[in-house]
C-alpha atoms as a PDB file:
ATOM      1  CA  UNK A   1       0.222  -0.075   0.076  1.00  0.00           C
ATOM      2  CA  UNK A   2       2.678   2.589   0.904  1.00  0.00           C
ATOM      3  CA  UNK A   3       4.890   1.361  -2.130  1.00  0.00           C
ATOM      4  CA  UNK A   4       1.805   1.950  -4.474  1.00  0.00           C
ATOM      5  CA  UNK A   5       1.370   5.098  -3.060  1.00  0.00           C
ATOM      6  CA  UNK A   6       5.143   6.178  -3.449  1.00  0.00           C
ATOM      7  CA  UNK A   7       4.906   4.843  -7.026  1.00  0.00           C
ATOM      8  CA  UNK A   8       1.915   6.720  -8.152  1.00  0.00           C
ATOM      9  CA  UNK A   9       3.322  10.048  -6.702  1.00  0.00           C
ATOM     10  CA  UNK A  10       6.242   9.678  -8.925  1.00  0.00           C
ATOM     11  CA  UNK A  11       4.612   8.654 -11.940  1.00  0.00           C
ATOM     12  CA  UNK A  12       2.177  11.751 -11.269  1.00  0.00           C
ATOM     13  CA  UNK A  13       5.398  13.768 -10.902  1.00  0.00           C
ATOM     14  CA  UNK A  14       6.232  12.595 -14.364  1.00  0.00           C
ATOM     15  CA  UNK A  15       9.107  10.064 -13.399  1.00  0.00           C
ATOM     16  CA  UNK A  16       9.063   6.421 -13.116  1.00  0.00           C
ATOM     17  CA  UNK A  17      11.058   4.828 -10.314  1.00  0.00           C
ATOM     18  CA  UNK A  18      13.896   3.785 -12.720  1.00  0.00           C
ATOM     19  CA  UNK A  19      13.962   7.353 -14.142  1.00  0.00           C
ATOM     20  CA  UNK A  20      14.506   8.959 -10.731  1.00  0.00           C
ATOM     21  CA  UNK A  21      17.302   6.334  -9.755  1.00  0.00           C
ATOM     22  CA  UNK A  22      19.042   6.837 -13.187  1.00  0.00           C
ATOM     23  CA  UNK A  23      19.285  10.504 -13.076  1.00  0.00           C
ATOM     24  CA  UNK A  24      21.811  10.904 -10.224  1.00  0.00           C
ATOM     25  CA  UNK A  25      24.951   9.020 -10.368  1.00  0.00           C
ATOM     26  CA  UNK A  26      26.538   7.618  -7.005  1.00  0.00           C
ATOM     27  CA  UNK A  27      29.732   8.919  -5.639  1.00  0.00           C
ATOM     28  CA  UNK A  28      31.320   5.526  -6.110  1.00  0.00           C
ATOM     29  CA  UNK A  29      30.568   5.742  -9.928  1.00  0.00           C
ATOM     30  CA  UNK A  30      31.708   9.165 -10.138  1.00  0.00           C
ATOM     31  CA  UNK A  31      35.147   8.334  -8.381  1.00  0.00           C
ATOM     32  CA  UNK A  32      35.546   5.181 -10.714  1.00  0.00           C
ATOM     33  CA  UNK A  33      34.975   7.238 -13.712  1.00  0.00           C
ATOM     34  CA  UNK A  34      37.623  10.052 -12.376  1.00  0.00           C
ATOM     35  CA  UNK A  35      40.201   7.413 -11.792  1.00  0.00           C
ATOM     36  CA  UNK A  36      39.742   5.570 -15.179  1.00  0.00           C
ATOM     37  CA  UNK A  37      39.727   8.749 -16.977  1.00  0.00           C
ATOM     38  CA  UNK A  38      42.639  10.209 -15.032  1.00  0.00           C
ATOM     39  CA  UNK A  39      44.932   6.994 -15.806  1.00  0.00           C
ATOM     40  CA  UNK A  40      44.203   7.390 -19.582  1.00  0.00           C
ATOM     41  CA  UNK A  41      44.823  11.215 -19.465  1.00  0.00           C
ATOM     42  CA  UNK A  42      47.939  10.775 -17.437  1.00  0.00           C
ATOM     43  CA  UNK A  43      49.548   8.292 -19.814  1.00  0.00           C
ATOM     44  CA  UNK A  44      48.851  11.015 -22.531  1.00  0.00           C
ATOM     45  CA  UNK A  45      50.723  13.520 -20.551  1.00  0.00           C
ATOM     46  CA  UNK A  46      53.763  11.049 -19.719  1.00  0.00           C
ATOM     47  CA  UNK A  47      54.094  10.193 -23.459  1.00  0.00           C
ATOM     48  CA  UNK A  48      53.869  13.824 -24.891  1.00  0.00           C
ATOM     49  CA  UNK A  49      56.019  14.944 -22.016  1.00  0.00           C
ATOM     50  CA  UNK A  50      58.662  12.472 -22.868  1.00  0.00           C
ATOM     51  CA  UNK A  51      58.485  13.179 -26.772  1.00  0.00           C
ATOM     52  CA  UNK A  52      58.642  16.826 -26.040  1.00  0.00           C
ATOM     53  CA  UNK A  53      61.583  16.865 -23.433  1.00  0.00           C
ATOM     54  CA  UNK A  54      63.340  13.789 -24.331  1.00  0.00           C
ATOM     55  CA  UNK A  55      63.629  12.956 -20.673  1.00  0.00           C
ATOM     56  CA  UNK A  56      61.754  10.114 -19.021  1.00  0.00           C
ATOM     57  CA  UNK A  57      62.263  11.513 -15.465  1.00  0.00           C
ATOM     58  CA  UNK A  58      60.968  14.788 -16.153  1.00  0.00           C
ATOM     59  CA  UNK A  59      58.100  13.348 -17.950  1.00  0.00           C
ATOM     60  CA  UNK A  60      57.226  11.004 -15.195  1.00  0.00           C
ATOM     61  CA  UNK A  61      57.340  13.969 -12.768  1.00  0.00           C
ATOM     62  CA  UNK A  62      55.198  16.131 -14.892  1.00  0.00           C
ATOM     63  CA  UNK A  63      52.704  13.160 -15.356  1.00  0.00           C
ATOM     64  CA  UNK A  64      52.519  12.452 -11.498  1.00  0.00           C
ATOM     65  CA  UNK A  65      51.776  16.022 -10.549  1.00  0.00           C
ATOM     66  CA  UNK A  66      49.108  16.243 -13.476  1.00  0.00           C
ATOM     67  CA  UNK A  67      47.693  12.966 -12.111  1.00  0.00           C
ATOM     68  CA  UNK A  68      46.762  14.190  -8.608  1.00  0.00           C
ATOM     69  CA  UNK A  69      45.590  17.605  -9.567  1.00  0.00           C
ATOM     70  CA  UNK A  70      43.556  16.690 -12.563  1.00  0.00           C
ATOM     71  CA  UNK A  71      41.959  13.832 -10.687  1.00  0.00           C
ATOM     72  CA  UNK A  72      40.591  16.068  -7.881  1.00  0.00           C
ATOM     73  CA  UNK A  73      39.397  18.742 -10.378  1.00  0.00           C
ATOM     74  CA  UNK A  74      37.358  16.151 -12.321  1.00  0.00           C
ATOM     75  CA  UNK A  75      35.821  14.741  -9.459  1.00  0.00           C
ATOM     76  CA  UNK A  76      34.408  17.857  -8.074  1.00  0.00           C
ATOM     77  CA  UNK A  77      33.749  18.675 -11.861  1.00  0.00           C
ATOM     78  CA  UNK A  78      31.651  15.495 -12.205  1.00  0.00           C
ATOM     79  CA  UNK A  79      29.957  16.094  -8.957  1.00  0.00           C
ATOM     80  CA  UNK A  80      29.057  19.674  -9.795  1.00  0.00           C
ATOM     81  CA  UNK A  81      27.304  18.526 -12.965  1.00  0.00           C
ATOM     82  CA  UNK A  82      25.312  15.778 -11.288  1.00  0.00           C
ATOM     83  CA  UNK A  83      23.601  18.670  -9.459  1.00  0.00           C
ATOM     84  CA  UNK A  84      22.545  20.344 -12.722  1.00  0.00           C
ATOM     85  CA  UNK A  85      19.185  19.110 -13.940  1.00  0.00           C
ATOM     86  CA  UNK A  86      19.745  20.387 -17.544  1.00  0.00           C
ATOM     87  CA  UNK A  87      19.748  17.572 -20.140  1.00  0.00           C
ATOM     88  CA  UNK A  88      18.587  14.882 -17.784  1.00  0.00           C
END
């Protein structure tokens, strides 16, 4: 009875139960996307830095700093966009 009431309220509001669950990503998913994208981006930075400088040590240092800073920035960017209703 309570479940039917909740479901009918969501349907009246124009959203099914599945739609309301899908419209917001969980923090764990955002974190997994952050890490996987950052690994790809950092490998790209490492390769480009090595090609430009010709020094593996310098390229690794650049890629290490870039990995940490951009992972934090991307995570908060992803979470901010999760709060924006446009396009959902």
